[in-house]
PDB file of N, CA and C in Angstrom:
ATOM      1  N   UNK A   1      25.621 -21.055   7.467  1.00  0.00           N
ATOM      2  CA  UNK A   1      24.624 -21.541   6.529  1.00  0.00           C
ATOM      3  C   UNK A   1      23.564 -22.316   7.320  1.00  0.00           C
ATOM      4  N   UNK A   2      22.318 -22.093   7.010  1.00  0.00           N
ATOM      5  CA  UNK A   2      21.231 -22.755   7.715  1.00  0.00           C
ATOM      6  C   UNK A   2      21.140 -24.219   7.287  1.00  0.00           C
ATOM      7  N   UNK A   3      20.779 -25.096   8.223  1.00  0.00           N
ATOM      8  CA  UNK A   3      20.643 -26.508   7.848  1.00  0.00           C
ATOM      9  C   UNK A   3      19.441 -26.701   6.929  1.00  0.00           C
ATOM     10  N   UNK A   4      19.495 -27.735   6.145  1.00  0.00           N
ATOM     11  CA  UNK A   4      18.390 -28.034   5.226  1.00  0.00           C
ATOM     12  C   UNK A   4      17.223 -28.649   5.997  1.00  0.00           C
ATOM     13  N   UNK A   5      16.027 -28.326   5.575  1.00  0.00           N
ATOM     14  CA  UNK A   5      14.847 -28.857   6.246  1.00  0.00           C
ATOM     15  C   UNK A   5      14.722 -30.359   6.042  1.00  0.00           C
ATOM     16  N   UNK A   6      15.127 -30.828   4.876  1.00  0.00           N
ATOM     17  CA  UNK A   6      14.971 -32.249   4.593  1.00  0.00           C
ATOM     18  C   UNK A   6      16.015 -33.076   5.327  1.00  0.00           C
ATOM     19  N   UNK A   7      17.082 -32.422   5.773  1.00  0.00           N
ATOM     20  CA  UNK A   7      18.122 -33.143   6.485  1.00  0.00           C
ATOM     21  C   UNK A   7      19.043 -33.912   5.564  1.00  0.00           C
ATOM     22  N   UNK A   8      18.922 -33.697   4.250  1.00  0.00           N
ATOM     23  CA  UNK A   8      19.758 -34.426   3.299  1.00  0.00           C
ATOM     24  C   UNK A   8      21.184 -33.914   3.299  1.00  0.00           C
ATOM     25  N   UNK A   9      22.044 -34.700   2.756  1.00  0.00           N
ATOM     26  CA  UNK A   9      23.451 -34.334   2.687  1.00  0.00           C
ATOM     27  C   UNK A   9      23.678 -33.323   1.572  1.00  0.00           C
ATOM     28  N   UNK A  10      24.694 -32.496   1.730  1.00  0.00           N
ATOM     29  CA  UNK A  10      25.018 -31.531   0.682  1.00  0.00           C
ATOM     30  C   UNK A  10      25.591 -32.216  -0.551  1.00  0.00           C
ATOM     31  N   UNK A  11      26.006 -33.447  -0.415  1.00  0.00           N
ATOM     32  CA  UNK A  11      26.559 -34.149  -1.576  1.00  0.00           C
ATOM     33  C   UNK A  11      25.480 -34.519  -2.577  1.00  0.00           C
ATOM     34  N   UNK A  12      24.208 -34.354  -2.217  1.00  0.00           N
ATOM     35  CA  UNK A  12      23.138 -34.666  -3.163  1.00  0.00           C
ATOM     36  C   UNK A  12      22.935 -33.550  -4.182  1.00  0.00           C
ATOM     37  N   UNK A  13      23.566 -32.394  -3.951  1.00  0.00           N
ATOM     38  CA  UNK A  13      23.444 -31.276  -4.885  1.00  0.00           C
ATOM     39  C   UNK A  13      24.372 -31.535  -6.069  1.00  0.00           C
ATOM     40  N   UNK A  14      23.866 -31.507  -7.300  1.00  0.00           N
ATOM     41  CA  UNK A  14      24.752 -31.738  -8.450  1.00  0.00           C
ATOM     42  C   UNK A  14      25.760 -30.607  -8.595  1.00  0.00           C
ATOM     43  N   UNK A  15      26.983 -30.949  -8.980  1.00  0.00           N
ATOM     44  CA  UNK A  15      28.026 -29.954  -9.168  1.00  0.00           C
ATOM     45  C   UNK A  15      27.776 -29.158 -10.437  1.00  0.00           C
ATOM     46  N   UNK A  16      28.087 -27.872 -10.386  1.00  0.00           N
ATOM     47  CA  UNK A  16      27.962 -27.025 -11.573  1.00  0.00           C
ATOM     48  C   UNK A  16      29.192 -27.203 -12.427  1.00  0.00           C
ATOM     49  N   UNK A  17      28.989 -27.401 -13.700  1.00  0.00           N
ATOM     50  CA  UNK A  17      30.098 -27.563 -14.621  1.00  0.00           C
ATOM     51  C   UNK A  17      30.470 -26.193 -15.187  1.00  0.00           C
ATOM     52  N   UNK A  18      31.720 -25.791 -15.069  1.00  0.00           N
ATOM     53  CA  UNK A  18      32.106 -24.502 -15.647  1.00  0.00           C
ATOM     54  C   UNK A  18      32.062 -24.569 -17.168  1.00  0.00           C
ATOM     55  N   UNK A  19      31.520 -23.550 -17.774  1.00  0.00           N
ATOM     56  CA  UNK A  19      31.459 -23.540 -19.230  1.00  0.00           C
ATOM     57  C   UNK A  19      32.821 -23.167 -19.792  1.00  0.00           C
ATOM     58  N   UNK A  20      33.073 -23.596 -20.995  1.00  0.00           N
ATOM     59  CA  UNK A  20      34.361 -23.347 -21.621  1.00  0.00           C
ATOM     60  C   UNK A  20      34.447 -21.877 -22.021  1.00  0.00           C
ATOM     61  N   UNK A  21      35.519 -21.238 -21.642  1.00  0.00           N
ATOM     62  CA  UNK A  21      35.720 -19.828 -21.936  1.00  0.00           C
ATOM     63  C   UNK A  21      36.792 -19.704 -23.011  1.00  0.00           C
ATOM     64  N   UNK A  22      36.495 -18.952 -24.057  1.00  0.00           N
ATOM     65  CA  UNK A  22      37.442 -18.756 -25.146  1.00  0.00           C
ATOM     66  C   UNK A  22      38.400 -17.623 -24.801  1.00  0.00           C
ATOM     67  N   UNK A  23      39.624 -17.761 -25.262  1.00  0.00           N
ATOM     68  CA  UNK A  23      40.533 -16.638 -25.108  1.00  0.00           C
ATOM     69  C   UNK A  23      40.221 -15.610 -26.197  1.00  0.00           C
ATOM     70  N   UNK A  24      40.851 -14.464 -26.126  1.00  0.00           N
ATOM     71  CA  UNK A  24      40.506 -13.359 -27.036  1.00  0.00           C
ATOM     72  C   UNK A  24      40.747 -13.711 -28.491  1.00  0.00           C
ATOM     73  N   UNK A  25      41.876 -14.370 -28.780  1.00  0.00           N
ATOM     74  CA  UNK A  25      42.187 -14.713 -30.168  1.00  0.00           C
ATOM     75  C   UNK A  25      41.185 -15.708 -30.737  1.00  0.00           C
ATOM     76  N   UNK A  26      40.826 -16.697 -29.932  1.00  0.00           N
ATOM     77  CA  UNK A  26      39.874 -17.699 -30.401  1.00  0.00           C
ATOM     78  C   UNK A  26      38.493 -17.081 -30.607  1.00  0.00           C
ATOM     79  N   UNK A  27      38.084 -16.186 -29.717  1.00  0.00           N
ATOM     80  CA  UNK A  27      36.792 -15.518 -29.857  1.00  0.00           C
ATOM     81  C   UNK A  27      36.769 -14.648 -31.109  1.00  0.00           C
ATOM     82  N   UNK A  28      37.881 -13.954 -31.389  1.00  0.00           N
ATOM     83  CA  UNK A  28      37.953 -13.125 -32.594  1.00  0.00           C
ATOM     84  C   UNK A  28      37.889 -13.985 -33.846  1.00  0.00           C
ATOM     85  N   UNK A  29      38.544 -15.133 -33.816  1.00  0.00           N
ATOM     86  CA  UNK A  29      38.509 -16.041 -34.963  1.00  0.00           C
ATOM     87  C   UNK A  29      37.087 -16.552 -35.199  1.00  0.00           C
ATOM     88  N   UNK A  30      36.393 -16.906 -34.139  1.00  0.00           N
ATOM     89  CA  UNK A  30      35.018 -17.386 -34.282  1.00  0.00           C
ATOM     90  C   UNK A  30      34.098 -16.301 -34.840  1.00  0.00           C
ATOM     91  N   UNK A  31      34.294 -15.042 -34.407  1.00  0.00           N
ATOM     92  CA  UNK A  31      33.479 -13.942 -34.950  1.00  0.00           C
ATOM     93  C   UNK A  31      33.772 -13.729 -36.424  1.00  0.00           C
ATOM     94  N   UNK A  32      35.052 -13.808 -36.809  1.00  0.00           N
ATOM     95  CA  UNK A  32      35.419 -13.605 -38.211  1.00  0.00           C
ATOM     96  C   UNK A  32      34.825 -14.696 -39.088  1.00  0.00           C
ATOM     97  N   UNK A  33      34.887 -15.931 -38.631  1.00  0.00           N
ATOM     98  CA  UNK A  33      34.317 -17.034 -39.413  1.00  0.00           C
ATOM     99  C   UNK A  33      32.805 -16.869 -39.531  1.00  0.00           C
ATOM    100  N   UNK A  34      32.158 -16.412 -38.465  1.00  0.00           N
ATOM    101  CA  UNK A  34      30.708 -16.223 -38.504  1.00  0.00           C
ATOM    102  C   UNK A  34      30.313 -15.126 -39.488  1.00  0.00           C
ATOM    103  N   UNK A  35      31.119 -14.063 -39.584  1.00  0.00           N
ATOM    104  CA  UNK A  35      30.773 -12.944 -40.460  1.00  0.00           C
ATOM    105  C   UNK A  35      31.215 -13.161 -41.902  1.00  0.00           C
ATOM    106  N   UNK A  36      32.423 -13.705 -42.090  1.00  0.00           N
ATOM    107  CA  UNK A  36      33.006 -13.774 -43.432  1.00  0.00           C
ATOM    108  C   UNK A  36      32.937 -15.152 -44.071  1.00  0.00           C
ATOM    109  N   UNK A  37      32.814 -16.171 -43.262  1.00  0.00           N
ATOM    110  CA  UNK A  37      32.838 -17.523 -43.787  1.00  0.00           C
ATOM    111  C   UNK A  37      34.228 -18.126 -43.642  1.00  0.00           C
ATOM    112  N   UNK A  38      34.306 -19.452 -43.619  1.00  0.00           N
ATOM    113  CA  UNK A  38      35.593 -20.103 -43.366  1.00  0.00           C
ATOM    114  C   UNK A  38      36.611 -19.921 -44.487  1.00  0.00           C
ATOM    115  N   UNK A  39      36.170 -19.917 -45.740  1.00  0.00           N
ATOM    116  CA  UNK A  39      37.122 -19.801 -46.855  1.00  0.00           C
ATOM    117  C   UNK A  39      37.772 -18.417 -46.890  1.00  0.00           C
ATOM    118  N   UNK A  40      36.967 -17.379 -46.724  1.00  0.00           N
ATOM    119  CA  UNK A  40      37.506 -16.018 -46.720  1.00  0.00           C
ATOM    120  C   UNK A  40      38.457 -15.822 -45.545  1.00  0.00           C
ATOM    121  N   UNK A  41      38.102 -16.389 -44.402  1.00  0.00           N
ATOM    122  CA  UNK A  41      38.953 -16.270 -43.224  1.00  0.00           C
ATOM    123  C   UNK A  41      40.293 -16.961 -43.449  1.00  0.00           C
ATOM    124  N   UNK A  42      40.266 -18.145 -44.074  1.00  0.00           N
ATOM    125  CA  UNK A  42      41.518 -18.857 -44.369  1.00  0.00           C
ATOM    126  C   UNK A  42      42.382 -18.060 -45.338  1.00  0.00           C
ATOM    127  N   UNK A  43      41.751 -17.458 -46.346  1.00  0.00           N
ATOM    128  CA  UNK A  43      42.498 -16.667 -47.325  1.00  0.00           C
ATOM    129  C   UNK A  43      43.115 -15.429 -46.670  1.00  0.00           C
ATOM    130  N   UNK A  44      42.351 -14.754 -45.830  1.00  0.00           N
ATOM    131  CA  UNK A  44      42.885 -13.589 -45.125  1.00  0.00           C
ATOM    132  C   UNK A  44      44.061 -13.976 -44.232  1.00  0.00           C
ATOM    133  N   UNK A  45      43.947 -15.094 -43.532  1.00  0.00           N
ATOM    134  CA  UNK A  45      45.030 -15.545 -42.658  1.00  0.00           C
ATOM    135  C   UNK A  45      46.268 -15.900 -43.472  1.00  0.00           C
ATOM    136  N   UNK A  46      46.079 -16.543 -44.626  1.00  0.00           N
ATOM    137  CA  UNK A  46      47.216 -16.889 -45.483  1.00  0.00           C
ATOM    138  C   UNK A  46      47.895 -15.627 -46.014  1.00  0.00           C
ATOM    139  N   UNK A  47      47.102 -14.637 -46.441  1.00  0.00           N
ATOM    140  CA  UNK A  47      47.668 -13.375 -46.918  1.00  0.00           C
ATOM    141  C   UNK A  47      48.424 -12.659 -45.802  1.00  0.00           C
ATOM    142  N   UNK A  48      47.842 -12.645 -44.620  1.00  0.00           N
ATOM    143  CA  UNK A  48      48.464 -11.962 -43.491  1.00  0.00           C
ATOM    144  C   UNK A  48      49.790 -12.635 -43.115  1.00  0.00           C
ATOM    145  N   UNK A  49      49.811 -13.958 -43.136  1.00  0.00           N
ATOM    146  CA  UNK A  49      51.025 -14.685 -42.772  1.00  0.00           C
ATOM    147  C   UNK A  49      52.111 -14.555 -43.836  1.00  0.00           C
ATOM    148  N   UNK A  50      51.726 -14.282 -45.081  1.00  0.00           N
ATOM    149  CA  UNK A  50      52.720 -14.193 -46.150  1.00  0.00           C
ATOM    150  C   UNK A  50      53.455 -12.850 -46.141  1.00  0.00           C
ATOM    151  N   UNK A  51      52.889 -11.841 -45.481  1.00  0.00           N
ATOM    152  CA  UNK A  51      53.541 -10.539 -45.438  1.00  0.00           C
ATOM    153  C   UNK A  51      54.727 -10.591 -44.491  1.00  0.00           C
ATOM    154  N   UNK A  52      55.857 -10.120 -44.953  1.00  0.00           N
ATOM    155  CA  UNK A  52      57.070 -10.114 -44.137  1.00  0.00           C
ATOM    156  C   UNK A  52      57.296  -8.697 -43.622  1.00  0.00           C
ATOM    157  N   UNK A  53      56.988  -8.478 -42.357  1.00  0.00           N
ATOM    158  CA  UNK A  53      57.148  -7.136 -41.788  1.00  0.00           C
ATOM    159  C   UNK A  53      58.255  -7.107 -40.767  1.00  0.00           C
TER     160      UNK A  53
END
């Protein structure tokens, strides 16, 4: 790596913060809430959980 012209330390560079990454289930839940609304999503989840398969 080439030295910096200003001669400053590399510690002066701000660290990049990693953005939060959703797992697949959480991303699917967020899409469902965005499309259907929170109440419909809760009702669908309750219906799905009540089925005994």
